[in-house]
Amino acid sequence: MSTGILIVIIVAVVVIVALVAMALRTMMRRRHLQERFGSEYERTVDAEHNRRAAERELNEREQRHQDLKIRPLPSTVRSRYAQDWNSVQEHFVDSPDRAVSEADQLVNTLMSERGYPTEGYEQQERDLSVEHAETLKHYRIAHEINGRVGGGDSSTEEMRNAMIHYRAMFEALLKDDAASSGGGRS
């Protein structure tokens, strides 16, 4: 076999191995994103209309989340927030619209205390999606209902549902777990 043919075979094998390695890396990264973000992965793919763009967005969320200083809450602070939540729920009987607004404010305050920026709803969604992807759907529903409450376009039943959804997000944020205390998962 001539040297030229041998070089071509070696280059072809190297190229094939490199392509296989890149494909495996892409598949592993995609699997990681799908596991980490759950239903948020498909939601982002649908919103971006492009899988690569969605994966780039999710990677950027992970990078930003790593830079956040997410911190656990001392048990005394968690207890205070739990009492605050009970108070908000008690207000629902007399003033459901006020209770929904208070629930939104309490969730935002808790986010801030945990170290999540609260500069805008869309950014909150992106930041929360990294550690709370499955619970985020509750926050979205509650936020959407809360947006209608001020205009009188929500029934008491919808406001009750908003409270249930806010409670799910509140409890996820209040929970003190090791994944949140390290500034993100690895």
N, C-alpha and C. Protein backbone atom coordinates (compact mmCIF):
# COMPACT_ATOMS: atom_id res chain seq x y z
N MET A 1 0.85 -1.16 0.00
CA MET A 1 0.00 0.00 0.00
C MET A 1 0.90 1.23 0.00
N SER A 2 0.52 2.20 -0.82
CA SER A 2 1.37 3.39 -0.94
C SER A 2 1.15 4.32 0.26
N THR A 3 2.11 5.18 0.50
CA THR A 3 2.06 6.13 1.60
C THR A 3 0.87 7.08 1.43
N GLY A 4 0.58 7.51 0.23
CA GLY A 4 -0.52 8.42 -0.03
C GLY A 4 -1.87 7.82 0.36
N ILE A 5 -2.06 6.56 -0.02
CA ILE A 5 -3.31 5.88 0.31
C ILE A 5 -3.42 5.70 1.82
N LEU A 6 -2.32 5.35 2.47
CA LEU A 6 -2.30 5.18 3.91
C LEU A 6 -2.66 6.49 4.63
N ILE A 7 -2.13 7.61 4.14
CA ILE A 7 -2.43 8.92 4.73
C ILE A 7 -3.91 9.25 4.57
N VAL A 8 -4.47 8.98 3.40
CA VAL A 8 -5.89 9.23 3.16
C VAL A 8 -6.75 8.39 4.09
N ILE A 9 -6.39 7.13 4.29
CA ILE A 9 -7.15 6.25 5.19
C ILE A 9 -7.07 6.76 6.62
N ILE A 10 -5.87 7.14 7.05
CA ILE A 10 -5.69 7.64 8.42
C ILE A 10 -6.49 8.93 8.63
N VAL A 11 -6.43 9.85 7.67
CA VAL A 11 -7.18 11.11 7.78
C VAL A 11 -8.67 10.82 7.81
N ALA A 12 -9.14 9.90 6.99
CA ALA A 12 -10.56 9.55 6.96
C ALA A 12 -10.99 8.97 8.31
N VAL A 13 -10.18 8.08 8.88
CA VAL A 13 -10.50 7.48 10.17
C VAL A 13 -10.54 8.57 11.25
N VAL A 14 -9.57 9.47 11.24
CA VAL A 14 -9.54 10.55 12.23
C VAL A 14 -10.78 11.43 12.09
N VAL A 15 -11.16 11.77 10.89
CA VAL A 15 -12.34 12.60 10.66
C VAL A 15 -13.59 11.87 11.15
N ILE A 16 -13.71 10.59 10.84
CA ILE A 16 -14.87 9.82 11.27
C ILE A 16 -14.92 9.74 12.80
N VAL A 17 -13.79 9.48 13.43
CA VAL A 17 -13.75 9.42 14.90
C VAL A 17 -14.13 10.77 15.49
N ALA A 18 -13.63 11.86 14.91
CA ALA A 18 -13.96 13.19 15.40
C ALA A 18 -15.46 13.48 15.25
N LEU A 19 -16.04 13.10 14.13
CA LEU A 19 -17.47 13.31 13.90
C LEU A 19 -18.30 12.49 14.88
N VAL A 20 -17.91 11.25 15.12
CA VAL A 20 -18.62 10.41 16.07
C VAL A 20 -18.52 11.00 17.48
N ALA A 21 -17.34 11.48 17.84
CA ALA A 21 -17.15 12.09 19.17
C ALA A 21 -18.02 13.34 19.32
N MET A 22 -18.07 14.16 18.28
CA MET A 22 -18.92 15.36 18.33
C MET A 22 -20.39 14.99 18.44
N ALA A 23 -20.81 13.98 17.71
CA ALA A 23 -22.21 13.54 17.76
C ALA A 23 -22.54 13.01 19.15
N LEU A 24 -21.64 12.22 19.73
CA LEU A 24 -21.87 11.70 21.08
C LEU A 24 -21.93 12.83 22.10
N ARG A 25 -21.04 13.79 21.97
CA ARG A 25 -21.04 14.94 22.89
C ARG A 25 -22.35 15.71 22.78
N THR A 26 -22.82 15.93 21.58
CA THR A 26 -24.08 16.64 21.36
C THR A 26 -25.24 15.85 21.96
N MET A 27 -25.25 14.55 21.76
CA MET A 27 -26.33 13.72 22.31
C MET A 27 -26.30 13.72 23.84
N MET A 28 -25.12 13.67 24.42
CA MET A 28 -25.00 13.68 25.88
C MET A 28 -25.45 15.03 26.44
N ARG A 29 -25.07 16.11 25.77
CA ARG A 29 -25.48 17.45 26.22
C ARG A 29 -26.99 17.61 26.11
N ARG A 30 -27.55 17.12 25.01
CA ARG A 30 -29.01 17.20 24.81
C ARG A 30 -29.72 16.41 25.91
N ARG A 31 -29.23 15.21 26.20
CA ARG A 31 -29.84 14.40 27.25
C ARG A 31 -29.75 15.11 28.60
N HIS A 32 -28.59 15.72 28.88
CA HIS A 32 -28.44 16.47 30.13
C HIS A 32 -29.48 17.59 30.22
N LEU A 33 -29.63 18.35 29.14
CA LEU A 33 -30.59 19.46 29.14
C LEU A 33 -32.02 18.94 29.29
N GLN A 34 -32.35 17.84 28.62
CA GLN A 34 -33.69 17.28 28.72
C GLN A 34 -33.97 16.81 30.15
N GLU A 35 -32.99 16.19 30.78
CA GLU A 35 -33.18 15.72 32.16
C GLU A 35 -33.27 16.89 33.13
N ARG A 36 -32.43 17.87 32.95
CA ARG A 36 -32.39 19.01 33.88
C ARG A 36 -33.62 19.88 33.76
N PHE A 37 -34.03 20.15 32.53
CA PHE A 37 -35.12 21.10 32.31
C PHE A 37 -36.48 20.44 32.12
N GLY A 38 -36.52 19.15 31.93
CA GLY A 38 -37.81 18.45 31.79
C GLY A 38 -38.69 19.07 30.72
N SER A 39 -39.93 19.37 31.08
CA SER A 39 -40.88 19.92 30.12
C SER A 39 -40.45 21.31 29.62
N GLU A 40 -39.62 21.99 30.39
CA GLU A 40 -39.12 23.30 29.97
C GLU A 40 -38.24 23.18 28.72
N TYR A 41 -37.60 22.04 28.55
CA TYR A 41 -36.78 21.81 27.35
C TYR A 41 -37.66 21.90 26.10
N GLU A 42 -38.73 21.13 26.07
CA GLU A 42 -39.62 21.14 24.90
C GLU A 42 -40.31 22.49 24.74
N ARG A 43 -40.66 23.10 25.83
CA ARG A 43 -41.30 24.42 25.77
C ARG A 43 -40.36 25.43 25.12
N THR A 44 -39.08 25.36 25.46
CA THR A 44 -38.10 26.28 24.89
C THR A 44 -37.86 25.96 23.42
N VAL A 45 -37.81 24.68 23.07
CA VAL A 45 -37.66 24.29 21.67
C VAL A 45 -38.83 24.84 20.86
N ASP A 46 -40.04 24.70 21.38
CA ASP A 46 -41.22 25.22 20.68
C ASP A 46 -41.16 26.74 20.54
N ALA A 47 -40.73 27.41 21.59
CA ALA A 47 -40.67 28.88 21.57
C ALA A 47 -39.59 29.39 20.60
N GLU A 48 -38.49 28.69 20.54
CA GLU A 48 -37.38 29.11 19.67
C GLU A 48 -37.56 28.64 18.23
N HIS A 49 -38.42 27.65 18.02
CA HIS A 49 -38.64 27.05 16.69
C HIS A 49 -37.37 26.44 16.11
N ASN A 50 -36.42 26.12 16.99
CA ASN A 50 -35.13 25.60 16.52
C ASN A 50 -34.46 24.94 17.71
N ARG A 51 -34.15 23.66 17.57
CA ARG A 51 -33.57 22.89 18.68
C ARG A 51 -32.20 23.46 19.09
N ARG A 52 -31.37 23.79 18.13
CA ARG A 52 -30.04 24.32 18.48
C ARG A 52 -30.14 25.65 19.21
N ALA A 53 -31.01 26.52 18.74
CA ALA A 53 -31.19 27.82 19.41
C ALA A 53 -31.74 27.61 20.82
N ALA A 54 -32.66 26.67 20.97
CA ALA A 54 -33.22 26.39 22.30
C ALA A 54 -32.15 25.84 23.23
N GLU A 55 -31.33 24.95 22.73
CA GLU A 55 -30.27 24.38 23.57
C GLU A 55 -29.24 25.44 23.93
N ARG A 56 -28.97 26.33 23.00
CA ARG A 56 -28.06 27.45 23.30
C ARG A 56 -28.66 28.32 24.42
N GLU A 57 -29.97 28.60 24.32
CA GLU A 57 -30.67 29.39 25.35
C GLU A 57 -30.60 28.69 26.70
N LEU A 58 -30.85 27.39 26.73
CA LEU A 58 -30.82 26.65 27.99
C LEU A 58 -29.41 26.60 28.57
N ASN A 59 -28.40 26.47 27.71
CA ASN A 59 -27.01 26.51 28.17
C ASN A 59 -26.69 27.87 28.78
N GLU A 60 -27.18 28.94 28.15
CA GLU A 60 -26.96 30.28 28.69
C GLU A 60 -27.64 30.44 30.05
N ARG A 61 -28.83 29.86 30.20
CA ARG A 61 -29.51 29.91 31.50
C ARG A 61 -28.67 29.21 32.57
N GLU A 62 -28.13 28.05 32.22
CA GLU A 62 -27.29 27.34 33.19
C GLU A 62 -26.07 28.17 33.57
N GLN A 63 -25.45 28.78 32.57
CA GLN A 63 -24.26 29.61 32.85
C GLN A 63 -24.62 30.78 33.76
N ARG A 64 -25.71 31.47 33.45
CA ARG A 64 -26.13 32.59 34.29
C ARG A 64 -26.44 32.11 35.71
N HIS A 65 -27.12 30.97 35.81
CA HIS A 65 -27.50 30.44 37.11
C HIS A 65 -26.25 30.13 37.95
N GLN A 66 -25.21 29.63 37.32
CA GLN A 66 -23.97 29.33 38.05
C GLN A 66 -23.37 30.60 38.67
N ASP A 67 -23.61 31.73 38.03
CA ASP A 67 -23.06 32.99 38.53
C ASP A 67 -23.92 33.61 39.64
N LEU A 68 -25.16 33.14 39.77
CA LEU A 68 -26.03 33.66 40.82
C LEU A 68 -25.58 33.15 42.17
N LYS A 69 -25.84 33.90 43.17
CA LYS A 69 -25.50 33.51 44.54
C LYS A 69 -26.76 32.99 45.23
N ILE A 70 -27.24 31.82 44.77
CA ILE A 70 -28.43 31.21 45.36
C ILE A 70 -28.04 30.64 46.72
N ARG A 71 -28.79 31.01 47.72
CA ARG A 71 -28.43 30.60 49.07
C ARG A 71 -29.62 29.95 49.78
N PRO A 72 -29.30 29.02 50.67
CA PRO A 72 -30.37 28.43 51.49
C PRO A 72 -30.80 29.44 52.55
N LEU A 73 -31.95 29.21 53.10
CA LEU A 73 -32.47 30.09 54.13
C LEU A 73 -32.28 29.45 55.50
N PRO A 74 -31.90 30.24 56.48
CA PRO A 74 -31.86 29.70 57.85
C PRO A 74 -33.26 29.26 58.25
N SER A 75 -33.34 28.29 59.14
CA SER A 75 -34.65 27.75 59.53
C SER A 75 -35.57 28.82 60.11
N THR A 76 -35.00 29.80 60.80
CA THR A 76 -35.85 30.87 61.36
C THR A 76 -36.49 31.70 60.25
N VAL A 77 -35.74 31.94 59.21
CA VAL A 77 -36.27 32.72 58.08
C VAL A 77 -37.32 31.90 57.34
N ARG A 78 -37.05 30.60 57.17
CA ARG A 78 -38.05 29.74 56.51
C ARG A 78 -39.35 29.73 57.33
N SER A 79 -39.22 29.67 58.63
CA SER A 79 -40.42 29.69 59.50
C SER A 79 -41.18 31.00 59.36
N ARG A 80 -40.46 32.10 59.29
CA ARG A 80 -41.12 33.40 59.12
C ARG A 80 -41.87 33.45 57.80
N TYR A 81 -41.24 32.94 56.73
CA TYR A 81 -41.93 32.93 55.44
C TYR A 81 -43.16 32.03 55.47
N ALA A 82 -43.06 30.90 56.13
CA ALA A 82 -44.21 30.00 56.24
C ALA A 82 -45.36 30.71 56.96
N GLN A 83 -45.05 31.47 58.00
CA GLN A 83 -46.08 32.24 58.71
C GLN A 83 -46.67 33.32 57.79
N ASP A 84 -45.80 33.97 57.04
CA ASP A 84 -46.28 34.99 56.10
C ASP A 84 -47.23 34.38 55.08
N TRP A 85 -46.89 33.17 54.60
CA TRP A 85 -47.77 32.51 53.63
C TRP A 85 -49.13 32.20 54.26
N ASN A 86 -49.12 31.71 55.48
CA ASN A 86 -50.39 31.43 56.17
C ASN A 86 -51.23 32.68 56.29
N SER A 87 -50.60 33.80 56.56
CA SER A 87 -51.31 35.07 56.66
C SER A 87 -51.94 35.45 55.32
N VAL A 88 -51.18 35.28 54.24
CA VAL A 88 -51.70 35.57 52.90
C VAL A 88 -52.91 34.70 52.61
N GLN A 89 -52.83 33.43 52.94
CA GLN A 89 -53.96 32.52 52.70
C GLN A 89 -55.19 32.94 53.50
N GLU A 90 -54.98 33.41 54.72
CA GLU A 90 -56.11 33.84 55.54
C GLU A 90 -56.81 35.05 54.92
N HIS A 91 -56.06 35.91 54.24
CA HIS A 91 -56.66 37.09 53.59
C HIS A 91 -57.56 36.70 52.43
N PHE A 92 -57.39 35.50 51.91
CA PHE A 92 -58.15 35.09 50.74
C PHE A 92 -59.66 35.10 51.02
N VAL A 93 -60.04 34.72 52.20
CA VAL A 93 -61.47 34.64 52.54
C VAL A 93 -62.16 35.99 52.35
N ASP A 94 -61.55 37.04 52.84
CA ASP A 94 -62.17 38.37 52.78
C ASP A 94 -61.84 39.13 51.50
N SER A 95 -60.67 38.88 50.95
CA SER A 95 -60.25 39.65 49.78
C SER A 95 -59.36 38.79 48.87
N PRO A 96 -59.99 37.97 48.03
CA PRO A 96 -59.22 37.06 47.18
C PRO A 96 -58.24 37.78 46.25
N ASP A 97 -58.66 38.90 45.68
CA ASP A 97 -57.77 39.61 44.76
C ASP A 97 -56.55 40.15 45.50
N ARG A 98 -56.75 40.67 46.69
CA ARG A 98 -55.62 41.16 47.49
C ARG A 98 -54.69 40.02 47.88
N ALA A 99 -55.25 38.87 48.22
CA ALA A 99 -54.45 37.71 48.60
C ALA A 99 -53.59 37.23 47.43
N VAL A 100 -54.15 37.23 46.24
CA VAL A 100 -53.37 36.81 45.06
C VAL A 100 -52.21 37.77 44.83
N SER A 101 -52.47 39.05 44.96
CA SER A 101 -51.41 40.06 44.82
C SER A 101 -50.33 39.89 45.89
N GLU A 102 -50.77 39.64 47.12
CA GLU A 102 -49.82 39.43 48.22
C GLU A 102 -49.00 38.16 48.00
N ALA A 103 -49.63 37.12 47.46
CA ALA A 103 -48.92 35.87 47.17
C ALA A 103 -47.82 36.12 46.14
N ASP A 104 -48.15 36.89 45.10
CA ASP A 104 -47.16 37.23 44.09
C ASP A 104 -46.00 38.00 44.72
N GLN A 105 -46.32 38.98 45.54
CA GLN A 105 -45.26 39.76 46.20
C GLN A 105 -44.42 38.90 47.13
N LEU A 106 -45.04 38.00 47.85
CA LEU A 106 -44.30 37.14 48.76
C LEU A 106 -43.37 36.20 48.00
N VAL A 107 -43.84 35.64 46.91
CA VAL A 107 -42.98 34.78 46.09
C VAL A 107 -41.79 35.58 45.56
N ASN A 108 -42.03 36.79 45.10
CA ASN A 108 -40.94 37.64 44.60
C ASN A 108 -39.94 37.98 45.71
N THR A 109 -40.45 38.28 46.90
CA THR A 109 -39.57 38.58 48.03
C THR A 109 -38.72 37.37 48.39
N LEU A 110 -39.35 36.21 48.39
CA LEU A 110 -38.62 34.97 48.69
C LEU A 110 -37.56 34.70 47.63
N MET A 111 -37.90 34.91 46.37
CA MET A 111 -36.91 34.74 45.30
C MET A 111 -35.70 35.61 45.57
N SER A 112 -35.96 36.87 45.86
CA SER A 112 -34.88 37.82 46.11
C SER A 112 -34.03 37.38 47.30
N GLU A 113 -34.68 36.96 48.37
CA GLU A 113 -33.93 36.54 49.56
C GLU A 113 -33.08 35.30 49.28
N ARG A 114 -33.55 34.44 48.40
CA ARG A 114 -32.76 33.25 48.04
C ARG A 114 -31.59 33.61 47.13
N GLY A 115 -31.64 34.79 46.50
CA GLY A 115 -30.55 35.21 45.63
C GLY A 115 -30.91 35.29 44.16
N TYR A 116 -32.18 35.06 43.84
CA TYR A 116 -32.63 35.18 42.45
C TYR A 116 -32.89 36.64 42.15
N PRO A 117 -32.38 37.14 41.02
CA PRO A 117 -32.72 38.51 40.62
C PRO A 117 -34.22 38.59 40.31
N THR A 118 -34.80 39.71 40.59
CA THR A 118 -36.23 39.89 40.33
C THR A 118 -36.46 41.09 39.41
N GLU A 119 -35.58 41.25 38.42
CA GLU A 119 -35.64 42.43 37.56
C GLU A 119 -36.75 42.41 36.52
N GLY A 120 -37.38 41.31 36.32
CA GLY A 120 -38.48 41.24 35.36
C GLY A 120 -38.98 39.82 35.26
N TYR A 121 -40.25 39.70 34.94
CA TYR A 121 -40.88 38.38 34.93
C TYR A 121 -40.19 37.40 33.97
N GLU A 122 -39.87 37.84 32.75
CA GLU A 122 -39.26 36.93 31.78
C GLU A 122 -37.91 36.42 32.28
N GLN A 123 -37.12 37.31 32.89
CA GLN A 123 -35.83 36.88 33.42
C GLN A 123 -36.03 35.97 34.63
N GLN A 124 -37.04 36.25 35.44
CA GLN A 124 -37.34 35.36 36.56
C GLN A 124 -37.63 33.95 36.05
N GLU A 125 -38.43 33.86 34.99
CA GLU A 125 -38.74 32.55 34.41
C GLU A 125 -37.47 31.82 34.00
N ARG A 126 -36.60 32.53 33.29
CA ARG A 126 -35.36 31.90 32.82
C ARG A 126 -34.49 31.45 34.00
N ASP A 127 -34.36 32.31 35.01
CA ASP A 127 -33.52 31.96 36.16
C ASP A 127 -34.11 30.80 36.96
N LEU A 128 -35.40 30.82 37.18
CA LEU A 128 -36.05 29.76 37.95
C LEU A 128 -36.04 28.42 37.20
N SER A 129 -36.04 28.47 35.88
CA SER A 129 -36.14 27.24 35.09
C SER A 129 -34.98 26.29 35.32
N VAL A 130 -33.84 26.79 35.75
CA VAL A 130 -32.67 25.93 35.92
C VAL A 130 -32.86 24.97 37.10
N GLU A 131 -33.34 25.45 38.21
CA GLU A 131 -33.53 24.61 39.39
C GLU A 131 -34.98 24.22 39.63
N HIS A 132 -35.90 24.92 39.03
CA HIS A 132 -37.33 24.71 39.32
C HIS A 132 -38.15 24.56 38.04
N ALA A 133 -37.61 23.84 37.07
CA ALA A 133 -38.27 23.75 35.76
C ALA A 133 -39.68 23.18 35.85
N GLU A 134 -39.87 22.15 36.64
CA GLU A 134 -41.20 21.53 36.71
C GLU A 134 -42.18 22.37 37.52
N THR A 135 -41.70 23.08 38.52
CA THR A 135 -42.57 23.92 39.34
C THR A 135 -42.91 25.22 38.63
N LEU A 136 -42.09 25.60 37.68
CA LEU A 136 -42.26 26.88 36.98
C LEU A 136 -43.61 27.00 36.30
N LYS A 137 -44.17 25.89 35.85
CA LYS A 137 -45.49 25.94 35.20
C LYS A 137 -46.54 26.51 36.16
N HIS A 138 -46.39 26.20 37.44
CA HIS A 138 -47.32 26.74 38.44
C HIS A 138 -47.19 28.27 38.52
N TYR A 139 -45.94 28.72 38.52
CA TYR A 139 -45.69 30.16 38.62
C TYR A 139 -46.26 30.88 37.39
N ARG A 140 -46.11 30.29 36.23
CA ARG A 140 -46.64 30.90 35.01
C ARG A 140 -48.17 31.05 35.07
N ILE A 141 -48.82 29.99 35.50
CA ILE A 141 -50.29 30.03 35.59
C ILE A 141 -50.73 31.08 36.60
N ALA A 142 -50.11 31.08 37.77
CA ALA A 142 -50.46 32.04 38.81
C ALA A 142 -50.22 33.47 38.33
N HIS A 143 -49.10 33.69 37.67
CA HIS A 143 -48.76 35.03 37.18
C HIS A 143 -49.78 35.50 36.13
N GLU A 144 -50.18 34.59 35.28
CA GLU A 144 -51.15 34.94 34.23
C GLU A 144 -52.50 35.32 34.86
N ILE A 145 -52.94 34.54 35.84
CA ILE A 145 -54.20 34.86 36.52
C ILE A 145 -54.06 36.19 37.26
N ASN A 146 -52.95 36.38 37.95
CA ASN A 146 -52.72 37.62 38.69
C ASN A 146 -52.78 38.83 37.76
N GLY A 147 -52.32 38.67 36.54
CA GLY A 147 -52.38 39.77 35.57
C GLY A 147 -53.80 40.16 35.22
N ARG A 148 -54.72 39.23 35.33
CA ARG A 148 -56.13 39.51 35.02
C ARG A 148 -56.91 39.99 36.23
N VAL A 149 -56.40 39.71 37.43
CA VAL A 149 -57.14 40.03 38.66
C VAL A 149 -57.43 41.53 38.76
N GLY A 150 -56.45 42.36 38.49
CA GLY A 150 -56.62 43.81 38.61
C GLY A 150 -57.74 44.36 37.75
N GLY A 151 -57.99 43.75 36.61
CA GLY A 151 -59.04 44.21 35.72
C GLY A 151 -60.40 43.61 36.03
N GLY A 152 -60.48 42.83 37.08
CA GLY A 152 -61.75 42.21 37.46
C GLY A 152 -62.16 41.09 36.54
N ASP A 153 -61.21 40.55 35.77
CA ASP A 153 -61.53 39.50 34.80
C ASP A 153 -61.34 38.09 35.35
N SER A 154 -61.18 37.95 36.66
CA SER A 154 -60.95 36.63 37.24
C SER A 154 -62.05 36.29 38.24
N SER A 155 -62.48 35.05 38.16
CA SER A 155 -63.47 34.57 39.12
C SER A 155 -62.75 34.18 40.42
N THR A 156 -63.53 34.00 41.46
CA THR A 156 -62.96 33.56 42.74
C THR A 156 -62.29 32.20 42.57
N GLU A 157 -62.86 31.35 41.75
CA GLU A 157 -62.27 30.03 41.52
C GLU A 157 -60.90 30.16 40.83
N GLU A 158 -60.80 31.05 39.86
CA GLU A 158 -59.49 31.28 39.22
C GLU A 158 -58.48 31.81 40.23
N MET A 159 -58.92 32.72 41.08
CA MET A 159 -58.01 33.26 42.09
C MET A 159 -57.60 32.18 43.09
N ARG A 160 -58.52 31.29 43.41
CA ARG A 160 -58.17 30.16 44.28
C ARG A 160 -57.10 29.29 43.61
N ASN A 161 -57.27 29.06 42.32
CA ASN A 161 -56.28 28.30 41.56
C ASN A 161 -54.94 29.02 41.54
N ALA A 162 -54.97 30.34 41.40
CA ALA A 162 -53.72 31.11 41.43
C ALA A 162 -53.00 30.90 42.75
N MET A 163 -53.76 30.91 43.83
CA MET A 163 -53.16 30.69 45.16
C MET A 163 -52.52 29.31 45.25
N ILE A 164 -53.18 28.31 44.71
CA ILE A 164 -52.63 26.95 44.72
C ILE A 164 -51.32 26.91 43.93
N HIS A 165 -51.31 27.57 42.78
CA HIS A 165 -50.10 27.58 41.94
C HIS A 165 -48.98 28.40 42.59
N TYR A 166 -49.33 29.53 43.17
CA TYR A 166 -48.31 30.30 43.90
C TYR A 166 -47.74 29.48 45.05
N ARG A 167 -48.61 28.74 45.73
CA ARG A 167 -48.13 27.93 46.85
C ARG A 167 -47.11 26.89 46.39
N ALA A 168 -47.34 26.28 45.24
CA ALA A 168 -46.39 25.29 44.72
C ALA A 168 -45.03 25.92 44.47
N MET A 169 -45.02 27.12 43.87
CA MET A 169 -43.75 27.80 43.62
C MET A 169 -43.13 28.24 44.94
N PHE A 170 -43.94 28.76 45.84
CA PHE A 170 -43.47 29.22 47.14
C PHE A 170 -42.79 28.07 47.90
N GLU A 171 -43.46 26.92 47.94
CA GLU A 171 -42.90 25.78 48.67
C GLU A 171 -41.60 25.29 48.04
N ALA A 172 -41.52 25.32 46.72
CA ALA A 172 -40.27 24.90 46.06
C ALA A 172 -39.13 25.85 46.41
N LEU A 173 -39.42 27.14 46.46
CA LEU A 173 -38.39 28.12 46.80
C LEU A 173 -38.03 28.06 48.28
N LEU A 174 -38.98 27.76 49.11
CA LEU A 174 -38.76 27.74 50.55
C LEU A 174 -37.96 26.52 50.97
N LYS A 175 -38.11 25.45 50.23
CA LYS A 175 -37.43 24.20 50.56
C LYS A 175 -35.92 24.43 50.57
N ASP A 176 -35.28 23.92 51.58
CA ASP A 176 -33.83 24.07 51.73
C ASP A 176 -33.16 22.77 51.31
N ASP A 177 -32.73 22.70 50.06
CA ASP A 177 -32.08 21.47 49.61
C ASP A 177 -30.65 21.74 49.17
N ALA A 178 -29.87 20.70 49.13
CA ALA A 178 -28.44 20.81 48.80
C ALA A 178 -28.22 21.31 47.39
N ALA A 179 -29.13 20.97 46.45
CA ALA A 179 -28.95 21.41 45.07
C ALA A 179 -29.00 22.93 44.96
N SER A 180 -29.85 23.55 45.75
CA SER A 180 -29.97 25.01 45.68
C SER A 180 -28.88 25.71 46.46
N SER A 181 -28.34 25.08 47.48
CA SER A 181 -27.39 25.77 48.33
C SER A 181 -26.03 25.93 47.69
N GLY A 182 -25.74 25.19 46.65
CA GLY A 182 -24.43 25.28 46.03
C GLY A 182 -24.39 26.18 44.83
N GLY A 183 -25.40 26.95 44.57
CA GLY A 183 -25.40 27.84 43.42
C GLY A 183 -25.72 27.12 42.14
N GLY A 184 -26.29 25.96 42.22
CA GLY A 184 -26.69 25.23 41.02
C GLY A 184 -26.17 23.83 41.04
N ARG A 185 -26.74 23.00 40.21
CA ARG A 185 -26.31 21.61 40.10
C ARG A 185 -25.13 21.52 39.16
N SER A 186 -24.43 20.40 39.26
CA SER A 186 -23.32 20.19 38.34
C SER A 186 -23.75 19.34 37.19
